[in-house]
Amino acid sequence: MMEDPTPCGEGGFQCSSIGIHWICRYYWEGPNAGITNFDNFGLSMLTVFQCITLEGWTDMLYYIEDAMGSNWQWIYFVSMVILGAFFVMNLILGVLSGEFSKERTKAKSRGDFQKLREKQRIEEDLKGYLDWITQAEDIDTYQEPPSPGKMMTEGFLKGTKAMLMGTGATGLAGVSSDSTEVHGCPEAGVDYAQAVPESWYNRHFRAWDRLNRKMRRSCRKAVKSQAFYWLIIILVFLNTGVLATEHYHQPQWLDDFQEYTNMFFVALFSLEMFLKMYSLGLQGYYVSLFNRFDCFVVIGSVIEVLLTNTQLMPPLGISVLRCVRLLRVFKVTK
């Protein structure tokens, strides 16, 4: 018997043809201690997987040829190696690599989204703090100063009380009928010195400050309303429509119309910017990125109008500075 058994069959390898000392057994457990065979589904899958890994697939091919004959078995094994080992395995690895890349991209996107949400939350908190501080500043903390007569009365009462506590019942004799000073009471003199009427400047400054705060509250309420927002959006689209009417060989009346409407819209948008700056304050205005963009567009529009009207820059149709104004339409995405 051979030290290394090999499969044999009627159509394949014949043991008896080698010599009389070789015989064919009816049953053999198979190569590799019986784990390499096609006797059941599980071991068949294991054998196919072994061939796909390119480990001993040629030995498996020779075993099949010894048992079945060398007819068409090679087609199966060559196809399995080409499609299974080279194509399918690379395809599976590519799919796995792609899925891992997608998960990595999703994780990065989630991280970026969380950072963006955190930044937006910080900006919203900052806006809330600025609104709270602005509203707190609007509260008139000034109080009406006490009248001089009231201060003199309070000073006299304080001095009398101190004198009575310091001298007893006989301390009343310390008050002279010919003098307005309370003897033995320096506090009374201090109160009399503080009883100075409010100056004209302070009185008018307080009145102006109160009026200014009231106007800022009204302007802030107006610029934060939905009506003001949609009014600006409508003006933006109207301005865009007017700029879109410019074409080659246009009549003179259209040139004049575009020039006047251009200055009109520049004035309106400049007024909007100054209203927001006045009502929100410079710090509160520049917190918003859209406000920064509006400020850039307005300044560019004013520069374009000044350069064109002073003939420092020839009116070459729609200039670059005027085209920047078309970017205002993105304000609707806010």
Protein backbone atom coordinates (compact mmCIF):
# COMPACT_ATOMS: atom_id res chain seq x y z
CA MET A 1 0.00 0.00 0.00
CA MET A 2 1.21 3.54 -0.77
CA GLU A 3 2.52 5.60 2.12
CA ASP A 4 0.65 8.58 0.72
CA PRO A 5 -2.76 7.29 -0.41
CA THR A 6 -4.40 8.86 -3.42
CA PRO A 7 -7.93 8.56 -4.84
CA CYS A 8 -8.50 6.15 -7.67
CA GLY A 9 -11.37 5.08 -9.84
CA GLU A 10 -12.38 3.33 -13.00
CA GLY A 11 -12.12 6.47 -15.11
CA GLY A 12 -9.06 7.85 -13.35
CA PHE A 13 -6.01 6.51 -11.56
CA GLN A 14 -5.75 2.66 -11.51
CA CYS A 15 -3.80 1.19 -8.61
CA SER A 16 -3.61 -2.30 -10.15
CA SER A 17 -1.80 -0.98 -13.20
CA ILE A 18 1.19 -0.03 -11.04
CA GLY A 19 1.80 -3.50 -9.65
CA ILE A 20 0.34 -6.44 -7.81
CA HIS A 21 1.33 -4.93 -4.48
CA TRP A 22 -1.16 -2.03 -4.91
CA ILE A 23 -4.87 -2.50 -4.27
CA CYS A 24 -7.93 -0.26 -4.33
CA ARG A 25 -9.97 0.04 -1.16
CA TYR A 26 -13.70 0.47 -1.35
CA TYR A 27 -13.77 3.25 1.22
CA TRP A 28 -11.22 5.94 2.12
CA GLU A 29 -11.74 8.87 4.52
CA GLY A 30 -10.03 11.25 2.08
CA PRO A 31 -6.99 13.54 2.02
CA ASN A 32 -5.95 15.68 5.00
CA ALA A 33 -7.42 13.25 7.55
CA GLY A 34 -10.80 13.32 5.82
CA ILE A 35 -11.54 17.06 5.95
CA THR A 36 -10.92 17.63 2.24
CA ASN A 37 -13.90 16.10 0.44
CA PHE A 38 -17.30 16.85 -1.06
CA ASP A 39 -19.27 14.32 1.04
CA ASN A 40 -21.50 16.93 2.74
CA PHE A 41 -22.38 20.57 2.40
CA GLY A 42 -20.20 21.79 5.26
CA LEU A 43 -17.00 20.05 4.16
CA SER A 44 -17.74 21.01 0.55
CA MET A 45 -17.84 24.70 1.55
CA LEU A 46 -14.60 24.25 3.47
CA THR A 47 -12.95 22.61 0.46
CA VAL A 48 -14.14 25.37 -1.89
CA PHE A 49 -12.88 28.00 0.56
CA GLN A 50 -9.50 26.25 0.63
CA CYS A 51 -9.34 26.42 -3.16
CA ILE A 52 -10.34 30.11 -3.17
CA THR A 53 -7.50 30.90 -0.78
CA LEU A 54 -5.15 29.29 -3.35
CA GLU A 55 -3.80 26.90 -0.72
CA GLY A 56 -3.49 23.43 -2.27
CA TRP A 57 -6.04 23.96 -5.03
CA THR A 58 -3.78 22.15 -7.54
CA ASP A 59 -3.58 19.10 -5.26
CA MET A 60 -7.37 19.14 -5.07
CA LEU A 61 -7.55 19.27 -8.87
CA TYR A 62 -5.24 16.27 -9.15
CA TYR A 63 -7.28 14.35 -6.57
CA ILE A 64 -10.43 14.92 -8.64
CA GLU A 65 -8.67 13.86 -11.84
CA ASP A 66 -7.40 10.69 -10.15
CA ALA A 67 -10.91 9.82 -9.01
CA MET A 68 -12.96 10.98 -12.01
CA GLY A 69 -10.51 11.17 -14.89
CA SER A 70 -8.91 14.21 -16.55
CA ASN A 71 -11.75 15.37 -18.78
CA TRP A 72 -13.33 18.73 -17.87
CA GLN A 73 -12.57 19.08 -14.17
CA TRP A 74 -9.93 21.71 -14.81
CA ILE A 75 -12.59 24.10 -16.17
CA TYR A 76 -14.31 24.14 -12.77
CA PHE A 77 -11.13 24.75 -10.80
CA VAL A 78 -9.67 27.33 -13.17
CA SER A 79 -12.98 29.23 -13.20
CA MET A 80 -13.21 29.02 -9.40
CA VAL A 81 -9.69 30.40 -9.02
CA ILE A 82 -10.19 33.24 -11.52
CA LEU A 83 -13.69 34.26 -10.43
CA GLY A 84 -13.53 33.28 -6.78
CA ALA A 85 -9.97 33.99 -5.74
CA PHE A 86 -9.20 36.99 -7.91
CA PHE A 87 -12.55 38.64 -8.70
CA VAL A 88 -14.99 37.83 -5.91
CA MET A 89 -12.48 38.16 -3.10
CA ASN A 90 -11.23 41.49 -4.41
CA LEU A 91 -14.85 42.55 -4.90
CA ILE A 92 -15.70 41.63 -1.31
CA LEU A 93 -12.61 43.42 -0.03
CA GLY A 94 -13.50 46.44 -2.14
CA VAL A 95 -17.05 46.48 -0.80
CA LEU A 96 -15.81 46.18 2.77
CA SER A 97 -13.26 48.92 2.19
CA GLY A 98 -15.95 51.12 0.65
CA GLU A 99 -18.31 50.53 3.56
CA PHE A 100 -15.60 51.35 6.06
CA SER A 101 -14.79 54.49 4.08
CA LYS A 102 -18.46 55.47 4.13
CA GLU A 103 -18.66 54.89 7.86
CA ARG A 104 -15.51 56.93 8.36
CA THR A 105 -16.96 59.72 6.20
CA LYS A 106 -20.25 59.55 8.12
CA ALA A 107 -18.40 59.71 11.42
CA LYS A 108 -16.41 62.70 10.19
CA SER A 109 -19.60 64.34 8.90
CA ARG A 110 -21.30 63.73 12.23
CA GLY A 111 -18.31 65.27 13.99
CA ASP A 112 -18.36 68.29 11.68
CA PHE A 113 -22.12 68.58 12.13
CA GLN A 114 -21.76 68.47 15.90
CA LYS A 115 -19.07 71.15 15.73
CA LEU A 116 -21.31 73.27 13.51
CA ARG A 117 -24.26 72.81 15.86
CA GLU A 118 -22.04 73.70 18.80
CA LYS A 119 -20.83 76.82 16.99
CA GLN A 120 -24.41 77.80 16.11
CA ARG A 121 -25.48 77.19 19.70
CA ILE A 122 -22.66 79.40 20.96
CA GLU A 123 -23.64 82.12 18.46
CA GLU A 124 -27.29 81.85 19.51
CA ASP A 125 -26.28 82.06 23.17
CA LEU A 126 -24.12 85.07 22.39
CA LYS A 127 -27.01 86.74 20.57
CA GLY A 128 -29.27 85.97 23.52
CA TYR A 129 -26.76 87.45 25.94
CA LEU A 130 -26.37 90.54 23.77
CA ASP A 131 -30.15 90.94 23.58
CA TRP A 132 -30.39 90.52 27.32
CA ILE A 133 -27.62 93.04 27.93
CA THR A 134 -29.20 95.46 25.47
CA GLN A 135 -32.59 95.13 27.13
CA ALA A 136 -30.95 95.60 30.51
CA GLU A 137 -29.29 98.76 29.23
CA ASP A 138 -32.66 100.00 28.03
CA ILE A 139 -34.01 99.97 31.57
CA ASP A 140 -33.80 103.49 32.90
CA THR A 141 -31.73 103.09 36.01
CA TYR A 142 -31.71 106.78 36.62
CA GLN A 143 -34.02 107.98 39.38
CA GLU A 144 -35.36 111.42 39.96
CA PRO A 145 -33.03 113.28 42.34
CA PRO A 146 -34.58 114.35 45.64
CA SER A 147 -35.60 117.96 45.95
CA PRO A 148 -33.37 120.37 47.94
CA GLY A 149 -36.11 120.92 50.50
CA LYS A 150 -36.41 117.19 51.10
CA MET A 151 -32.64 116.85 51.50
CA MET A 152 -32.53 119.77 53.97
CA THR A 153 -35.34 118.25 55.98
CA GLU A 154 -33.64 114.87 56.10
CA GLY A 155 -30.35 116.52 57.11
CA PHE A 156 -32.01 118.51 59.88
CA LEU A 157 -33.70 115.40 61.23
CA LYS A 158 -30.44 113.45 61.13
CA GLY A 159 -28.62 116.25 62.94
CA THR A 160 -31.32 116.58 65.57
CA LYS A 161 -31.34 112.85 66.16
CA ALA A 162 -27.55 112.77 66.53
CA MET A 163 -27.61 115.73 68.89
CA LEU A 164 -30.28 114.17 71.07
CA MET A 165 -28.40 110.89 71.20
CA GLY A 166 -25.14 112.68 72.08
CA THR A 167 -26.26 115.32 74.63
CA GLY A 168 -29.45 113.99 76.07
CA ALA A 169 -32.52 116.07 76.82
CA THR A 170 -30.50 119.25 77.48
CA GLY A 171 -28.96 119.06 74.03
CA LEU A 172 -31.80 121.07 72.57
CA ALA A 173 -30.13 124.19 73.92
CA GLY A 174 -27.38 123.71 71.36
CA VAL A 175 -29.66 124.91 68.61
CA SER A 176 -29.27 128.62 68.00
CA SER A 177 -32.23 130.63 66.81
CA ASP A 178 -29.97 133.03 64.93
CA SER A 179 -28.11 130.41 62.94
CA THR A 180 -29.08 127.71 60.48
CA GLU A 181 -26.26 125.49 61.66
CA VAL A 182 -26.92 122.60 64.00
CA HIS A 183 -24.13 122.57 66.59
CA GLY A 184 -22.52 119.27 67.34
CA CYS A 185 -23.78 117.69 64.07
CA PRO A 186 -21.30 117.67 61.19
CA GLU A 187 -23.56 115.28 59.23
CA ALA A 188 -26.16 117.97 58.81
CA GLY A 189 -23.67 120.23 57.09
CA VAL A 190 -22.83 117.44 54.64
CA ASP A 191 -26.48 116.96 53.74
CA TYR A 192 -26.92 120.67 53.20
CA ALA A 193 -23.88 120.69 50.92
CA GLN A 194 -25.37 117.86 48.82
CA ALA A 195 -28.61 119.68 48.26
CA VAL A 196 -27.43 121.17 44.96
CA PRO A 197 -30.02 121.49 42.17
CA GLU A 198 -29.46 119.40 39.01
CA SER A 199 -27.63 121.24 36.25
CA TRP A 200 -29.19 122.05 32.89
CA TYR A 201 -26.71 119.77 31.09
CA ASN A 202 -27.45 116.72 33.26
CA ARG A 203 -31.18 117.24 32.99
CA HIS A 204 -31.12 117.46 29.18
CA PHE A 205 -28.59 114.62 28.88
CA ARG A 206 -30.85 112.33 30.91
CA ALA A 207 -33.84 113.29 28.79
CA TRP A 208 -31.90 112.64 25.58
CA ASP A 209 -30.58 109.32 26.88
CA ARG A 210 -34.10 108.21 27.79
CA LEU A 211 -35.37 109.19 24.33
CA ASN A 212 -32.43 107.44 22.64
CA ARG A 213 -33.12 104.18 24.47
CA LYS A 214 -36.78 104.34 23.58
CA MET A 215 -35.93 104.89 19.90
CA ARG A 216 -33.44 101.98 19.94
CA ARG A 217 -36.08 99.68 21.41
CA SER A 218 -38.53 100.66 18.69
CA CYS A 219 -35.94 100.26 15.91
CA ARG A 220 -34.78 96.89 17.25
CA LYS A 221 -38.35 95.64 17.40
CA ALA A 222 -38.88 96.81 13.81
CA VAL A 223 -35.71 95.32 12.28
CA LYS A 224 -36.35 91.96 13.96
CA SER A 225 -39.92 91.69 12.69
CA GLN A 226 -40.97 89.36 9.86
CA ALA A 227 -42.47 92.27 7.92
CA PHE A 228 -39.11 94.06 7.79
CA TYR A 229 -37.34 90.82 6.80
CA TRP A 230 -39.68 90.11 3.88
CA LEU A 231 -39.59 93.77 2.83
CA ILE A 232 -35.82 93.53 2.46
CA ILE A 233 -36.16 90.23 0.56
CA ILE A 234 -38.62 91.85 -1.87
CA LEU A 235 -36.24 94.78 -2.37
CA VAL A 236 -33.40 92.34 -3.03
CA PHE A 237 -35.38 90.55 -5.75
CA LEU A 238 -36.49 93.86 -7.27
CA ASN A 239 -32.89 95.03 -7.36
CA THR A 240 -31.86 91.74 -8.96
CA GLY A 241 -34.61 92.11 -11.56
CA VAL A 242 -33.51 95.65 -12.43
CA LEU A 243 -29.90 94.53 -12.84
CA ALA A 244 -31.06 91.65 -15.04
CA THR A 245 -32.72 94.05 -17.51
CA GLU A 246 -29.38 95.36 -18.78
CA HIS A 247 -28.63 94.11 -22.29
CA TYR A 248 -26.73 95.00 -25.42
CA HIS A 249 -28.02 98.01 -27.43
CA GLN A 250 -30.51 99.00 -24.76
CA PRO A 251 -32.29 102.38 -25.13
CA GLN A 252 -31.21 105.52 -23.29
CA TRP A 253 -34.31 105.64 -21.08
CA LEU A 254 -33.43 102.19 -19.75
CA ASP A 255 -29.91 103.41 -18.91
CA ASP A 256 -31.36 106.33 -16.95
CA PHE A 257 -33.89 104.09 -15.23
CA GLN A 258 -31.19 101.63 -14.17
CA GLU A 259 -28.95 104.42 -12.91
CA TYR A 260 -31.66 106.04 -10.75
CA THR A 261 -32.99 102.75 -9.42
CA ASN A 262 -29.43 101.68 -8.67
CA MET A 263 -28.85 104.72 -6.47
CA PHE A 264 -32.31 104.27 -4.92
CA PHE A 265 -31.63 100.67 -3.89
CA VAL A 266 -28.15 101.56 -2.64
CA ALA A 267 -29.69 104.25 -0.44
CA LEU A 268 -32.34 101.83 0.88
CA PHE A 269 -29.84 99.10 1.69
CA SER A 270 -27.51 101.64 3.31
CA LEU A 271 -30.43 102.84 5.44
CA GLU A 272 -31.16 99.23 6.41
CA MET A 273 -27.54 98.71 7.45
CA PHE A 274 -27.44 101.89 9.56
CA LEU A 275 -30.78 101.05 11.19
CA LYS A 276 -29.48 97.63 12.22
CA MET A 277 -26.22 99.10 13.48
CA TYR A 278 -28.11 101.70 15.51
CA SER A 279 -30.68 99.32 16.97
CA LEU A 280 -28.43 96.30 17.59
CA GLY A 281 -25.16 98.06 18.26
CA LEU A 282 -21.94 97.38 16.36
CA GLN A 283 -21.11 94.29 18.40
CA GLY A 284 -24.58 92.84 18.05
CA TYR A 285 -24.67 93.68 14.33
CA TYR A 286 -21.39 91.99 13.40
CA VAL A 287 -22.22 88.79 15.28
CA SER A 288 -24.32 87.59 12.31
CA LEU A 289 -22.46 86.44 9.19
CA PHE A 290 -25.32 87.68 7.00
CA ASN A 291 -24.96 91.15 8.50
CA ARG A 292 -21.24 91.10 7.73
CA PHE A 293 -21.99 90.08 4.16
CA ASP A 294 -24.63 92.84 3.86
CA CYS A 295 -22.13 95.39 5.13
CA PHE A 296 -19.58 94.23 2.55
CA VAL A 297 -22.15 94.43 -0.27
CA VAL A 298 -23.40 97.88 0.80
CA ILE A 299 -19.87 99.29 1.06
CA GLY A 300 -19.02 97.81 -2.36
CA SER A 301 -22.20 99.29 -3.86
CA VAL A 302 -21.49 102.75 -2.42
CA ILE A 303 -17.91 102.61 -3.74
CA GLU A 304 -19.20 101.57 -7.17
CA VAL A 305 -21.71 104.45 -7.27
CA LEU A 306 -19.13 107.00 -6.13
CA LEU A 307 -16.49 105.84 -8.62
CA THR A 308 -18.99 105.82 -11.48
CA ASN A 309 -20.55 109.23 -10.74
CA THR A 310 -17.16 110.89 -10.22
CA GLN A 311 -15.98 109.32 -13.51
CA LEU A 312 -13.03 107.68 -11.81
CA MET A 313 -14.30 104.39 -13.18
CA PRO A 314 -16.05 104.17 -16.56
CA PRO A 315 -19.52 102.55 -16.51
CA LEU A 316 -18.58 99.29 -18.23
CA GLY A 317 -22.02 97.74 -18.05
CA ILE A 318 -22.54 95.64 -14.95
CA SER A 319 -19.31 96.07 -13.03
CA VAL A 320 -17.81 93.53 -10.71
CA LEU A 321 -18.90 95.52 -7.66
CA ARG A 322 -22.46 95.59 -8.97
CA CYS A 323 -22.41 91.86 -9.66
CA VAL A 324 -21.50 91.26 -6.02
CA ARG A 325 -24.86 92.77 -5.14
CA LEU A 326 -26.58 89.86 -6.87
CA LEU A 327 -25.29 87.63 -4.08
CA ARG A 328 -27.89 89.25 -1.83
CA VAL A 329 -30.41 86.72 -3.13
CA PHE A 330 -28.74 84.14 -0.87
CA LYS A 331 -30.14 86.10 2.06
CA VAL A 332 -33.38 84.19 1.53
CA THR A 333 -31.59 81.03 2.70
CA LYS A 334 -31.13 82.51 6.15
